[in-house]
Amino acid sequence: MPAERVGLVIEDDLDFRSLVSAVVGSVGVSVRSVATGAAGVDAAREYKPDIVVLDFGLPDLNGLEVALRIREFSDVPILVLTGRTDVADSMLAAGVDEFMTKPFRVRELRERVLTILRTT
């Protein structure tokens, strides 16, 4: 029996975290979610997720720092969600696989998550 796939959502806003977690879970992935960057790095190390959906604007570390810390021990696909359009180049240079700006359509997020999971 194949191992259960795990998604990790790192988002500080509770409502948005719940929405993103529901979208990721809708593709048959078990979802873990945390509210801070430091907790996200720890969760990525602990759960070894198949995908990370990461908010750029977190209260303790920004998404760039979180991505760099995760890349120190994992090549998990990382999808960044942000309202900022000026950080795309630095995020991609840090090893982020996908980048979506807020607001976005739920259907588009679901499709991107599916595409990432199919290719990994």
PDB file of N, CA and C in Angstrom:
ATOM      1  N   MET A   1       0.838  -1.171   0.000  1.00  0.00           N
ATOM      2  CA  MET A   1       0.000   0.000   0.000  1.00  0.00           C
ATOM      3  C   MET A   1       0.891   1.244   0.000  1.00  0.00           C
ATOM      4  N   PRO A   2       0.647   2.216  -0.922  1.00  0.00           N
ATOM      5  CA  PRO A   2       1.504   3.387  -0.990  1.00  0.00           C
ATOM      6  C   PRO A   2       1.345   4.265   0.254  1.00  0.00           C
ATOM      7  N   ALA A   3       2.419   4.953   0.582  1.00  0.00           N
ATOM      8  CA  ALA A   3       2.385   5.850   1.734  1.00  0.00           C
ATOM      9  C   ALA A   3       1.445   7.018   1.459  1.00  0.00           C
ATOM     10  N   GLU A   4       0.828   7.495   2.522  1.00  0.00           N
ATOM     11  CA  GLU A   4      -0.065   8.639   2.402  1.00  0.00           C
ATOM     12  C   GLU A   4       0.745   9.887   2.036  1.00  0.00           C
ATOM     13  N   ARG A   5       0.209  10.657   1.087  1.00  0.00           N
ATOM     14  CA  ARG A   5       0.864  11.907   0.701  1.00  0.00           C
ATOM     15  C   ARG A   5       0.487  12.982   1.701  1.00  0.00           C
ATOM     16  N   VAL A   6       1.446  13.852   1.991  1.00  0.00           N
ATOM     17  CA  VAL A   6       1.258  14.896   2.997  1.00  0.00           C
ATOM     18  C   VAL A   6       1.508  16.258   2.365  1.00  0.00           C
ATOM     19  N   GLY A   7       0.619  17.185   2.666  1.00  0.00           N
ATOM     20  CA  GLY A   7       0.803  18.574   2.279  1.00  0.00           C
ATOM     21  C   GLY A   7       0.993  19.421   3.525  1.00  0.00           C
ATOM     22  N   LEU A   8       1.838  20.422   3.423  1.00  0.00           N
ATOM     23  CA  LEU A   8       2.085  21.340   4.532  1.00  0.00           C
ATOM     24  C   LEU A   8       1.699  22.744   4.093  1.00  0.00           C
ATOM     25  N   VAL A   9       0.815  23.369   4.852  1.00  0.00           N
ATOM     26  CA  VAL A   9       0.391  24.744   4.592  1.00  0.00           C
ATOM     27  C   VAL A   9       0.978  25.622   5.688  1.00  0.00           C
ATOM     28  N   ILE A  10       1.743  26.641   5.271  1.00  0.00           N
ATOM     29  CA  ILE A  10       2.349  27.591   6.204  1.00  0.00           C
ATOM     30  C   ILE A  10       1.723  28.949   5.920  1.00  0.00           C
ATOM     31  N   GLU A  11       0.805  29.357   6.794  1.00  0.00           N
ATOM     32  CA  GLU A  11       0.005  30.580   6.585  1.00  0.00           C
ATOM     33  C   GLU A  11      -0.425  31.113   7.939  1.00  0.00           C
ATOM     34  N   ASP A  12      -0.209  32.405   8.188  1.00  0.00           N
ATOM     35  CA  ASP A  12      -0.541  32.967   9.498  1.00  0.00           C
ATOM     36  C   ASP A  12      -2.009  33.337   9.668  1.00  0.00           C
ATOM     37  N   ASP A  13      -2.718  33.658   8.601  1.00  0.00           N
ATOM     38  CA  ASP A  13      -4.123  34.030   8.696  1.00  0.00           C
ATOM     39  C   ASP A  13      -4.977  32.764   8.813  1.00  0.00           C
ATOM     40  N   LEU A  14      -5.703  32.616   9.911  1.00  0.00           N
ATOM     41  CA  LEU A  14      -6.457  31.391  10.183  1.00  0.00           C
ATOM     42  C   LEU A  14      -7.478  31.079   9.095  1.00  0.00           C
ATOM     43  N   ASP A  15      -8.247  32.072   8.664  1.00  0.00           N
ATOM     44  CA  ASP A  15      -9.259  31.827   7.638  1.00  0.00           C
ATOM     45  C   ASP A  15      -8.615  31.393   6.326  1.00  0.00           C
ATOM     46  N   PHE A  16      -7.563  32.079   5.945  1.00  0.00           N
ATOM     47  CA  PHE A  16      -6.888  31.738   4.692  1.00  0.00           C
ATOM     48  C   PHE A  16      -6.207  30.383   4.805  1.00  0.00           C
ATOM     49  N   ARG A  17      -5.625  30.108   5.972  1.00  0.00           N
ATOM     50  CA  ARG A  17      -4.986  28.803   6.205  1.00  0.00           C
ATOM     51  C   ARG A  17      -6.008  27.679   6.078  1.00  0.00           C
ATOM     52  N   SER A  18      -7.200  27.906   6.607  1.00  0.00           N
ATOM     53  CA  SER A  18      -8.263  26.903   6.508  1.00  0.00           C
ATOM     54  C   SER A  18      -8.681  26.688   5.059  1.00  0.00           C
ATOM     55  N   LEU A  19      -8.816  27.773   4.302  1.00  0.00           N
ATOM     56  CA  LEU A  19      -9.183  27.667   2.889  1.00  0.00           C
ATOM     57  C   LEU A  19      -8.128  26.903   2.103  1.00  0.00           C
ATOM     58  N   VAL A  20      -6.876  27.300   2.236  1.00  0.00           N
ATOM     59  CA  VAL A  20      -5.793  26.648   1.496  1.00  0.00           C
ATOM     60  C   VAL A  20      -5.675  25.186   1.909  1.00  0.00           C
ATOM     61  N   SER A  21      -5.814  24.908   3.189  1.00  0.00           N
ATOM     62  CA  SER A  21      -5.756  23.516   3.662  1.00  0.00           C
ATOM     63  C   SER A  21      -6.872  22.686   3.053  1.00  0.00           C
ATOM     64  N   ALA A  22      -8.065  23.264   2.954  1.00  0.00           N
ATOM     65  CA  ALA A  22      -9.195  22.547   2.347  1.00  0.00           C
ATOM     66  C   ALA A  22      -8.930  22.270   0.875  1.00  0.00           C
ATOM     67  N   VAL A  23      -8.349  23.225   0.175  1.00  0.00           N
ATOM     68  CA  VAL A  23      -8.039  23.031  -1.248  1.00  0.00           C
ATOM     69  C   VAL A  23      -6.995  21.935  -1.407  1.00  0.00           C
ATOM     70  N   VAL A  24      -5.938  21.990  -0.639  1.00  0.00           N
ATOM     71  CA  VAL A  24      -4.883  20.969  -0.728  1.00  0.00           C
ATOM     72  C   VAL A  24      -5.460  19.605  -0.340  1.00  0.00           C
ATOM     73  N   GLY A  25      -6.266  19.566   0.695  1.00  0.00           N
ATOM     74  CA  GLY A  25      -6.883  18.305   1.112  1.00  0.00           C
ATOM     75  C   GLY A  25      -7.853  17.742   0.093  1.00  0.00           C
ATOM     76  N   SER A  26      -8.432  18.605  -0.731  1.00  0.00           N
ATOM     77  CA  SER A  26      -9.417  18.151  -1.721  1.00  0.00           C
ATOM     78  C   SER A  26      -8.813  17.282  -2.820  1.00  0.00           C
ATOM     79  N   VAL A  27      -7.493  17.256  -2.925  1.00  0.00           N
ATOM     80  CA  VAL A  27      -6.850  16.412  -3.929  1.00  0.00           C
ATOM     81  C   VAL A  27      -6.359  15.099  -3.327  1.00  0.00           C
ATOM     82  N   GLY A  28      -6.830  14.783  -2.112  1.00  0.00           N
ATOM     83  CA  GLY A  28      -6.502  13.501  -1.502  1.00  0.00           C
ATOM     84  C   GLY A  28      -5.211  13.486  -0.708  1.00  0.00           C
ATOM     85  N   VAL A  29      -4.802  14.647  -0.251  1.00  0.00           N
ATOM     86  CA  VAL A  29      -3.568  14.782   0.511  1.00  0.00           C
ATOM     87  C   VAL A  29      -3.910  15.038   1.975  1.00  0.00           C
ATOM     88  N   SER A  30      -3.197  14.396   2.880  1.00  0.00           N
ATOM     89  CA  SER A  30      -3.344  14.681   4.304  1.00  0.00           C
ATOM     90  C   SER A  30      -2.626  15.997   4.592  1.00  0.00           C
ATOM     91  N   VAL A  31      -3.323  16.938   5.216  1.00  0.00           N
ATOM     92  CA  VAL A  31      -2.776  18.283   5.373  1.00  0.00           C
ATOM     93  C   VAL A  31      -2.368  18.555   6.819  1.00  0.00           C
ATOM     94  N   ARG A  32      -1.183  19.111   6.955  1.00  0.00           N
ATOM     95  CA  ARG A  32      -0.710  19.672   8.221  1.00  0.00           C
ATOM     96  C   ARG A  32      -0.615  21.171   7.966  1.00  0.00           C
ATOM     97  N   SER A  33      -0.949  21.971   8.977  1.00  0.00           N
ATOM     98  CA  SER A  33      -0.853  23.411   8.787  1.00  0.00           C
ATOM     99  C   SER A  33      -0.291  24.075  10.028  1.00  0.00           C
ATOM    100  N   VAL A  34       0.464  25.149   9.801  1.00  0.00           N
ATOM    101  CA  VAL A  34       1.078  25.911  10.885  1.00  0.00           C
ATOM    102  C   VAL A  34       0.967  27.399  10.572  1.00  0.00           C
ATOM    103  N   ALA A  35       1.170  28.229  11.608  1.00  0.00           N
ATOM    104  CA  ALA A  35       0.938  29.662  11.466  1.00  0.00           C
ATOM    105  C   ALA A  35       2.203  30.510  11.383  1.00  0.00           C
ATOM    106  N   THR A  36       3.374  29.921  11.579  1.00  0.00           N
ATOM    107  CA  THR A  36       4.606  30.710  11.542  1.00  0.00           C
ATOM    108  C   THR A  36       5.655  30.029  10.675  1.00  0.00           C
ATOM    109  N   GLY A  37       6.625  30.825  10.269  1.00  0.00           N
ATOM    110  CA  GLY A  37       7.699  30.284   9.452  1.00  0.00           C
ATOM    111  C   GLY A  37       8.554  29.271  10.198  1.00  0.00           C
ATOM    112  N   ALA A  38       8.898  29.588  11.437  1.00  0.00           N
ATOM    113  CA  ALA A  38       9.723  28.660  12.230  1.00  0.00           C
ATOM    114  C   ALA A  38       9.003  27.332  12.425  1.00  0.00           C
ATOM    115  N   ALA A  39       7.717  27.404  12.729  1.00  0.00           N
ATOM    116  CA  ALA A  39       6.940  26.165  12.881  1.00  0.00           C
ATOM    117  C   ALA A  39       6.855  25.428  11.551  1.00  0.00           C
ATOM    118  N   GLY A  40       6.825  26.165  10.453  1.00  0.00           N
ATOM    119  CA  GLY A  40       6.787  25.545   9.130  1.00  0.00           C
ATOM    120  C   GLY A  40       8.053  24.781   8.814  1.00  0.00           C
ATOM    121  N   VAL A  41       9.185  25.366   9.142  1.00  0.00           N
ATOM    122  CA  VAL A  41      10.465  24.676   8.919  1.00  0.00           C
ATOM    123  C   VAL A  41      10.505  23.402   9.753  1.00  0.00           C
ATOM    124  N   ASP A  42      10.106  23.499  11.019  1.00  0.00           N
ATOM    125  CA  ASP A  42      10.078  22.317  11.890  1.00  0.00           C
ATOM    126  C   ASP A  42       9.120  21.256  11.350  1.00  0.00           C
ATOM    127  N   ALA A  43       7.947  21.691  10.895  1.00  0.00           N
ATOM    128  CA  ALA A  43       6.951  20.741  10.364  1.00  0.00           C
ATOM    129  C   ALA A  43       7.449  20.087   9.086  1.00  0.00           C
ATOM    130  N   ALA A  44       8.143  20.833   8.248  1.00  0.00           N
ATOM    131  CA  ALA A  44       8.699  20.249   7.021  1.00  0.00           C
ATOM    132  C   ALA A  44       9.726  19.176   7.359  1.00  0.00           C
ATOM    133  N   ARG A  45      10.497  19.426   8.377  1.00  0.00           N
ATOM    134  CA  ARG A  45      11.491  18.435   8.813  1.00  0.00           C
ATOM    135  C   ARG A  45      10.806  17.203   9.414  1.00  0.00           C
ATOM    136  N   GLU A  46       9.777  17.422  10.205  1.00  0.00           N
ATOM    137  CA  GLU A  46       9.092  16.326  10.896  1.00  0.00           C
ATOM    138  C   GLU A  46       8.223  15.485   9.955  1.00  0.00           C
ATOM    139  N   TYR A  47       7.397  16.141   9.132  1.00  0.00           N
ATOM    140  CA  TYR A  47       6.405  15.429   8.334  1.00  0.00           C
ATOM    141  C   TYR A  47       6.900  15.011   6.955  1.00  0.00           C
ATOM    142  N   LYS A  48       8.005  15.585   6.497  1.00  0.00           N
ATOM    143  CA  LYS A  48       8.538  15.273   5.164  1.00  0.00           C
ATOM    144  C   LYS A  48       7.422  15.332   4.106  1.00  0.00           C
ATOM    145  N   PRO A  49       6.815  16.514   3.946  1.00  0.00           N
ATOM    146  CA  PRO A  49       5.654  16.632   3.054  1.00  0.00           C
ATOM    147  C   PRO A  49       6.011  16.427   1.588  1.00  0.00           C
ATOM    148  N   ASP A  50       4.982  16.146   0.809  1.00  0.00           N
ATOM    149  CA  ASP A  50       5.120  16.002  -0.641  1.00  0.00           C
ATOM    150  C   ASP A  50       4.951  17.339  -1.346  1.00  0.00           C
ATOM    151  N   ILE A  51       4.387  18.325  -0.650  1.00  0.00           N
ATOM    152  CA  ILE A  51       4.220  19.674  -1.159  1.00  0.00           C
ATOM    153  C   ILE A  51       4.111  20.638   0.019  1.00  0.00           C
ATOM    154  N   VAL A  52       4.678  21.825  -0.164  1.00  0.00           N
ATOM    155  CA  VAL A  52       4.546  22.906   0.816  1.00  0.00           C
ATOM    156  C   VAL A  52       3.874  24.078   0.118  1.00  0.00           C
ATOM    157  N   VAL A  53       2.808  24.586   0.724  1.00  0.00           N
ATOM    158  CA  VAL A  53       2.170  25.813   0.249  1.00  0.00           C
ATOM    159  C   VAL A  53       2.500  26.874   1.297  1.00  0.00           C
ATOM    160  N   LEU A  54       3.241  27.885   0.877  1.00  0.00           N
ATOM    161  CA  LEU A  54       3.886  28.828   1.785  1.00  0.00           C
ATOM    162  C   LEU A  54       3.434  30.252   1.508  1.00  0.00           C
ATOM    163  N   ASP A  55       2.958  30.925   2.545  1.00  0.00           N
ATOM    164  CA  ASP A  55       2.648  32.348   2.449  1.00  0.00           C
ATOM    165  C   ASP A  55       3.952  33.127   2.563  1.00  0.00           C
ATOM    166  N   PHE A  56       4.070  34.211   1.811  1.00  0.00           N
ATOM    167  CA  PHE A  56       5.296  35.011   1.892  1.00  0.00           C
ATOM    168  C   PHE A  56       5.341  35.847   3.171  1.00  0.00           C
ATOM    169  N   GLY A  57       4.229  36.469   3.531  1.00  0.00           N
ATOM    170  CA  GLY A  57       4.207  37.386   4.661  1.00  0.00           C
ATOM    171  C   GLY A  57       3.818  36.703   5.957  1.00  0.00           C
ATOM    172  N   LEU A  58       4.805  36.222   6.681  1.00  0.00           N
ATOM    173  CA  LEU A  58       4.573  35.549   7.958  1.00  0.00           C
ATOM    174  C   LEU A  58       5.054  36.441   9.097  1.00  0.00           C
ATOM    175  N   PRO A  59       4.571  36.223  10.309  1.00  0.00           N
ATOM    176  CA  PRO A  59       4.914  37.132  11.410  1.00  0.00           C
ATOM    177  C   PRO A  59       6.356  37.043  11.902  1.00  0.00           C
ATOM    178  N   ASP A  60       7.011  35.914  11.716  1.00  0.00           N
ATOM    179  CA  ASP A  60       8.360  35.758  12.264  1.00  0.00           C
ATOM    180  C   ASP A  60       9.445  35.748  11.193  1.00  0.00           C
ATOM    181  N   LEU A  61       9.272  34.957  10.162  1.00  0.00           N
ATOM    182  CA  LEU A  61      10.219  34.856   9.052  1.00  0.00           C
ATOM    183  C   LEU A  61       9.442  35.123   7.767  1.00  0.00           C
ATOM    184  N   ASN A  62      10.081  35.728   6.789  1.00  0.00           N
ATOM    185  CA  ASN A  62       9.354  35.858   5.530  1.00  0.00           C
ATOM    186  C   ASN A  62       9.492  34.572   4.721  1.00  0.00           C
ATOM    187  N   GLY A  63       8.691  34.451   3.691  1.00  0.00           N
ATOM    188  CA  GLY A  63       8.676  33.234   2.889  1.00  0.00           C
ATOM    189  C   GLY A  63      10.016  32.885   2.279  1.00  0.00           C
ATOM    190  N   LEU A  64      10.792  33.889   1.942  1.00  0.00           N
ATOM    191  CA  LEU A  64      12.120  33.645   1.372  1.00  0.00           C
ATOM    192  C   LEU A  64      13.002  32.907   2.374  1.00  0.00           C
ATOM    193  N   GLU A  65      13.030  33.383   3.606  1.00  0.00           N
ATOM    194  CA  GLU A  65      13.837  32.736   4.641  1.00  0.00           C
ATOM    195  C   GLU A  65      13.339  31.319   4.922  1.00  0.00           C
ATOM    196  N   VAL A  66      12.031  31.136   4.957  1.00  0.00           N
ATOM    197  CA  VAL A  66      11.468  29.800   5.193  1.00  0.00           C
ATOM    198  C   VAL A  66      11.889  28.858   4.066  1.00  0.00           C
ATOM    199  N   ALA A  67      11.747  29.309   2.827  1.00  0.00           N
ATOM    200  CA  ALA A  67      12.129  28.468   1.682  1.00  0.00           C
ATOM    201  C   ALA A  67      13.609  28.104   1.741  1.00  0.00           C
ATOM    202  N   LEU A  68      14.461  29.075   2.047  1.00  0.00           N
ATOM    203  CA  LEU A  68      15.900  28.796   2.133  1.00  0.00           C
ATOM    204  C   LEU A  68      16.207  27.781   3.230  1.00  0.00           C
ATOM    205  N   ARG A  69      15.537  27.893   4.365  1.00  0.00           N
ATOM    206  CA  ARG A  69      15.771  26.946   5.464  1.00  0.00           C
ATOM    207  C   ARG A  69      15.283  25.543   5.110  1.00  0.00           C
ATOM    208  N   ILE A  70      14.145  25.455   4.445  1.00  0.00           N
ATOM    209  CA  ILE A  70      13.645  24.139   4.020  1.00  0.00           C
ATOM    210  C   ILE A  70      14.589  23.532   2.993  1.00  0.00           C
ATOM    211  N   ARG A  71      15.117  24.340   2.090  1.00  0.00           N
ATOM    212  CA  ARG A  71      16.032  23.837   1.059  1.00  0.00           C
ATOM    213  C   ARG A  71      17.337  23.285   1.647  1.00  0.00           C
ATOM    214  N   GLU A  72      17.656  23.641   2.870  1.00  0.00           N
ATOM    215  CA  GLU A  72      18.863  23.103   3.510  1.00  0.00           C
ATOM    216  C   GLU A  72      18.763  21.599   3.738  1.00  0.00           C
ATOM    217  N   PHE A  73      17.536  21.059   3.818  1.00  0.00           N
ATOM    218  CA  PHE A  73      17.390  19.631   4.104  1.00  0.00           C
ATOM    219  C   PHE A  73      16.369  18.918   3.222  1.00  0.00           C
ATOM    220  N   SER A  74      15.704  19.634   2.319  1.00  0.00           N
ATOM    221  CA  SER A  74      14.658  18.987   1.529  1.00  0.00           C
ATOM    222  C   SER A  74      14.529  19.615   0.151  1.00  0.00           C
ATOM    223  N   ASP A  75      14.134  18.780  -0.812  1.00  0.00           N
ATOM    224  CA  ASP A  75      13.836  19.298  -2.154  1.00  0.00           C
ATOM    225  C   ASP A  75      12.334  19.234  -2.438  1.00  0.00           C
ATOM    226  N   VAL A  76      11.521  19.261  -1.378  1.00  0.00           N
ATOM    227  CA  VAL A  76      10.068  19.232  -1.510  1.00  0.00           C
ATOM    228  C   VAL A  76       9.614  20.386  -2.410  1.00  0.00           C
ATOM    229  N   PRO A  77       8.649  20.152  -3.284  1.00  0.00           N
ATOM    230  CA  PRO A  77       8.114  21.261  -4.081  1.00  0.00           C
ATOM    231  C   PRO A  77       7.458  22.310  -3.177  1.00  0.00           C
ATOM    232  N   ILE A  78       7.779  23.570  -3.429  1.00  0.00           N
ATOM    233  CA  ILE A  78       7.239  24.681  -2.652  1.00  0.00           C
ATOM    234  C   ILE A  78       6.459  25.605  -3.577  1.00  0.00           C
ATOM    235  N   LEU A  79       5.213  25.863  -3.202  1.00  0.00           N
ATOM    236  CA  LEU A  79       4.341  26.798  -3.911  1.00  0.00           C
ATOM    237  C   LEU A  79       4.126  27.991  -2.991  1.00  0.00           C
ATOM    238  N   VAL A  80       4.539  29.177  -3.424  1.00  0.00           N
ATOM    239  CA  VAL A  80       4.400  30.385  -2.612  1.00  0.00           C
ATOM    240  C   VAL A  80       3.161  31.158  -3.032  1.00  0.00           C
ATOM    241  N   LEU A  81       2.409  31.615  -2.024  1.00  0.00           N
ATOM    242  CA  LEU A  81       1.252  32.478  -2.229  1.00  0.00           C
ATOM    243  C   LEU A  81       1.565  33.831  -1.605  1.00  0.00           C
ATOM    244  N   THR A  82       1.357  34.908  -2.369  1.00  0.00           N
ATOM    245  CA  THR A  82       1.634  36.229  -1.823  1.00  0.00           C
ATOM    246  C   THR A  82       0.868  37.304  -2.567  1.00  0.00           C
ATOM    247  N   GLY A  83       0.638  38.397  -1.897  1.00  0.00           N
ATOM    248  CA  GLY A  83       0.035  39.563  -2.525  1.00  0.00           C
ATOM    249  C   GLY A  83       1.085  40.449  -3.159  1.00  0.00           C
ATOM    250  N   ARG A  84       2.340  40.153  -2.930  1.00  0.00           N
ATOM    251  CA  ARG A  84       3.439  40.958  -3.472  1.00  0.00           C
ATOM    252  C   ARG A  84       3.910  40.387  -4.796  1.00  0.00           C
ATOM    253  N   THR A  85       4.026  41.250  -5.781  1.00  0.00           N
ATOM    254  CA  THR A  85       4.512  40.805  -7.086  1.00  0.00           C
ATOM    255  C   THR A  85       6.002  41.044  -7.250  1.00  0.00           C
ATOM    256  N   ASP A  86       6.614  41.788  -6.341  1.00  0.00           N
ATOM    257  CA  ASP A  86       8.022  42.145  -6.473  1.00  0.00           C
ATOM    258  C   ASP A  86       8.982  41.101  -5.902  1.00  0.00           C
ATOM    259  N   VAL A  87       8.475  39.998  -5.387  1.00  0.00           N
ATOM    260  CA  VAL A  87       9.347  39.007  -4.756  1.00  0.00           C
ATOM    261  C   VAL A  87       9.503  37.723  -5.583  1.00  0.00           C
ATOM    262  N   ALA A  88       8.873  37.669  -6.734  1.00  0.00           N
ATOM    263  CA  ALA A  88       8.884  36.439  -7.532  1.00  0.00           C
ATOM    264  C   ALA A  88      10.296  35.992  -7.890  1.00  0.00           C
ATOM    265  N   ASP A  89      11.120  36.901  -8.390  1.00  0.00           N
ATOM    266  CA  ASP A  89      12.469  36.513  -8.814  1.00  0.00           C
ATOM    267  C   ASP A  89      13.308  35.979  -7.658  1.00  0.00           C
ATOM    268  N   SER A  90      13.251  36.645  -6.504  1.00  0.00           N
ATOM    269  CA  SER A  90      14.048  36.179  -5.367  1.00  0.00           C
ATOM    270  C   SER A  90      13.531  34.851  -4.836  1.00  0.00           C
ATOM    271  N   MET A  91      12.217  34.654  -4.873  1.00  0.00           N
ATOM    272  CA  MET A  91      11.650  33.384  -4.406  1.00  0.00           C
ATOM    273  C   MET A  91      12.058  32.246  -5.336  1.00  0.00           C
ATOM    274  N   LEU A  92      11.982  32.469  -6.624  1.00  0.00           N
ATOM    275  CA  LEU A  92      12.372  31.422  -7.573  1.00  0.00           C
ATOM    276  C   LEU A  92      13.863  31.116  -7.454  1.00  0.00           C
ATOM    277  N   ALA A  93      14.675  32.144  -7.224  1.00  0.00           N
ATOM    278  CA  ALA A  93      16.113  31.936  -7.030  1.00  0.00           C
ATOM    279  C   ALA A  93      16.405  31.146  -5.768  1.00  0.00           C
ATOM    280  N   ALA A  94      15.518  31.221  -4.787  1.00  0.00           N
ATOM    281  CA  ALA A  94      15.694  30.485  -3.532  1.00  0.00           C
ATOM    282  C   ALA A  94      15.258  29.030  -3.644  1.00  0.00           C
ATOM    283  N   GLY A  95      14.776  28.624  -4.805  1.00  0.00           N
ATOM    284  CA  GLY A  95      14.399  27.230  -4.990  1.00  0.00           C
ATOM    285  C   GLY A  95      12.923  26.958  -4.911  1.00  0.00           C
ATOM    286  N   VAL A  96      12.102  28.007  -4.915  1.00  0.00           N
ATOM    287  CA  VAL A  96      10.653  27.819  -4.921  1.00  0.00           C
ATOM    288  C   VAL A  96      10.246  27.315  -6.300  1.00  0.00           C
ATOM    289  N   ASP A  97       9.322  26.367  -6.338  1.00  0.00           N
ATOM    290  CA  ASP A  97       8.917  25.748  -7.601  1.00  0.00           C
ATOM    291  C   ASP A  97       7.813  26.500  -8.319  1.00  0.00           C
ATOM    292  N   GLU A  98       6.878  27.054  -7.566  1.00  0.00           N
ATOM    293  CA  GLU A  98       5.730  27.756  -8.147  1.00  0.00           C
ATOM    294  C   GLU A  98       5.465  29.010  -7.336  1.00  0.00           C
ATOM    295  N   PHE A  99       4.816  29.967  -7.978  1.00  0.00           N
ATOM    296  CA  PHE A  99       4.531  31.251  -7.360  1.00  0.00           C
ATOM    297  C   PHE A  99       3.157  31.698  -7.819  1.00  0.00           C
ATOM    298  N   MET A 100       2.276  32.023  -6.881  1.00  0.00           N
ATOM    299  CA  MET A 100       0.951  32.537  -7.226  1.00  0.00           C
ATOM    300  C   MET A 100       0.708  33.818  -6.444  1.00  0.00           C
ATOM    301  N   THR A 101       0.159  34.814  -7.128  1.00  0.00           N
ATOM    302  CA  THR A 101      -0.174  36.051  -6.443  1.00  0.00           C
ATOM    303  C   THR A 101      -1.613  36.011  -5.954  1.00  0.00           C
ATOM    304  N   LYS A 102      -1.825  36.664  -4.816  1.00  0.00           N
ATOM    305  CA  LYS A 102      -3.162  36.801  -4.249  1.00  0.00           C
ATOM    306  C   LYS A 102      -3.771  38.067  -4.819  1.00  0.00           C
ATOM    307  N   PRO A 103      -5.027  38.135  -5.045  1.00  0.00           N
ATOM    308  CA  PRO A 103      -5.970  37.026  -4.913  1.00  0.00           C
ATOM    309  C   PRO A 103      -5.836  36.060  -6.084  1.00  0.00           C
ATOM    310  N   PHE A 104      -6.268  34.861  -5.885  1.00  0.00           N
ATOM    311  CA  PHE A 104      -6.240  33.837  -6.926  1.00  0.00           C
ATOM    312  C   PHE A 104      -7.546  33.065  -6.870  1.00  0.00           C
ATOM    313  N   ARG A 105      -7.777  32.308  -7.898  1.00  0.00           N
ATOM    314  CA  ARG A 105      -8.967  31.460  -7.932  1.00  0.00           C
ATOM    315  C   ARG A 105      -8.652  30.127  -7.269  1.00  0.00           C
ATOM    316  N   VAL A 106      -9.586  29.660  -6.474  1.00  0.00           N
ATOM    317  CA  VAL A 106      -9.420  28.387  -5.774  1.00  0.00           C
ATOM    318  C   VAL A 106      -9.156  27.271  -6.776  1.00  0.00           C
ATOM    319  N   ARG A 107      -9.862  27.284  -7.879  1.00  0.00           N
ATOM    320  CA  ARG A 107      -9.679  26.260  -8.906  1.00  0.00           C
ATOM    321  C   ARG A 107      -8.243  26.259  -9.433  1.00  0.00           C
ATOM    322  N   GLU A 108      -7.657  27.458  -9.602  1.00  0.00           N
ATOM    323  CA  GLU A 108      -6.285  27.553 -10.089  1.00  0.00           C
ATOM    324  C   GLU A 108      -5.307  26.975  -9.065  1.00  0.00           C
ATOM    325  N   LEU A 109      -5.521  27.274  -7.781  1.00  0.00           N
ATOM    326  CA  LEU A 109      -4.663  26.708  -6.739  1.00  0.00           C
ATOM    327  C   LEU A 109      -4.761  25.188  -6.754  1.00  0.00           C
ATOM    328  N   ARG A 110      -5.955  24.679  -6.837  1.00  0.00           N
ATOM    329  CA  ARG A 110      -6.146  23.221  -6.869  1.00  0.00           C
ATOM    330  C   ARG A 110      -5.411  22.593  -8.047  1.00  0.00           C
ATOM    331  N   GLU A 111      -5.519  23.206  -9.214  1.00  0.00           N
ATOM    332  CA  GLU A 111      -4.846  22.681 -10.408  1.00  0.00           C
ATOM    333  C   GLU A 111      -3.327  22.720 -10.261  1.00  0.00           C
ATOM    334  N   ARG A 112      -2.817  23.778  -9.677  1.00  0.00           N
ATOM    335  CA  ARG A 112      -1.365  23.874  -9.487  1.00  0.00           C
ATOM    336  C   ARG A 112      -0.878  22.813  -8.507  1.00  0.00           C
ATOM    337  N   VAL A 113      -1.630  22.607  -7.434  1.00  0.00           N
ATOM    338  CA  VAL A 113      -1.262  21.575  -6.465  1.00  0.00           C
ATOM    339  C   VAL A 113      -1.281  20.207  -7.135  1.00  0.00           C
ATOM    340  N   LEU A 114      -2.325  19.916  -7.899  1.00  0.00           N
ATOM    341  CA  LEU A 114      -2.390  18.635  -8.616  1.00  0.00           C
ATOM    342  C   LEU A 114      -1.218  18.457  -9.563  1.00  0.00           C
ATOM    343  N   THR A 115      -0.894  19.491 -10.311  1.00  0.00           N
ATOM    344  CA  THR A 115       0.226  19.417 -11.261  1.00  0.00           C
ATOM    345  C   THR A 115       1.527  19.133 -10.536  1.00  0.00           C
ATOM    346  N   ILE A 116       1.764  19.827  -9.441  1.00  0.00           N
ATOM    347  CA  ILE A 116       2.999  19.602  -8.670  1.00  0.00           C
ATOM    348  C   ILE A 116       3.046  18.169  -8.163  1.00  0.00           C
ATOM    349  N   LEU A 117       1.940  17.672  -7.623  1.00  0.00           N
ATOM    350  CA  LEU A 117       1.944  16.314  -7.073  1.00  0.00           C
ATOM    351  C   LEU A 117       2.104  15.263  -8.158  1.00  0.00           C
ATOM    352  N   ARG A 118       1.582  15.517  -9.344  1.00  0.00           N
ATOM    353  CA  ARG A 118       1.737  14.562 -10.445  1.00  0.00           C
ATOM    354  C   ARG A 118       3.167  14.464 -10.931  1.00  0.00           C
ATOM    355  N   THR A 119       3.901  15.579 -10.838  1.00  0.00           N
ATOM    356  CA  THR A 119       5.259  15.598 -11.387  1.00  0.00           C
ATOM    357  C   THR A 119       6.312  15.219 -10.364  1.00  0.00           C
ATOM    358  N   THR A 120       5.905  14.933  -9.125  1.00  0.00           N
ATOM    359  CA  THR A 120       6.905  14.570  -8.119  1.00  0.00           C
ATOM    360  C   THR A 120       6.685  13.145  -7.649  1.00  0.00           C
TER     361      THR A 120
END
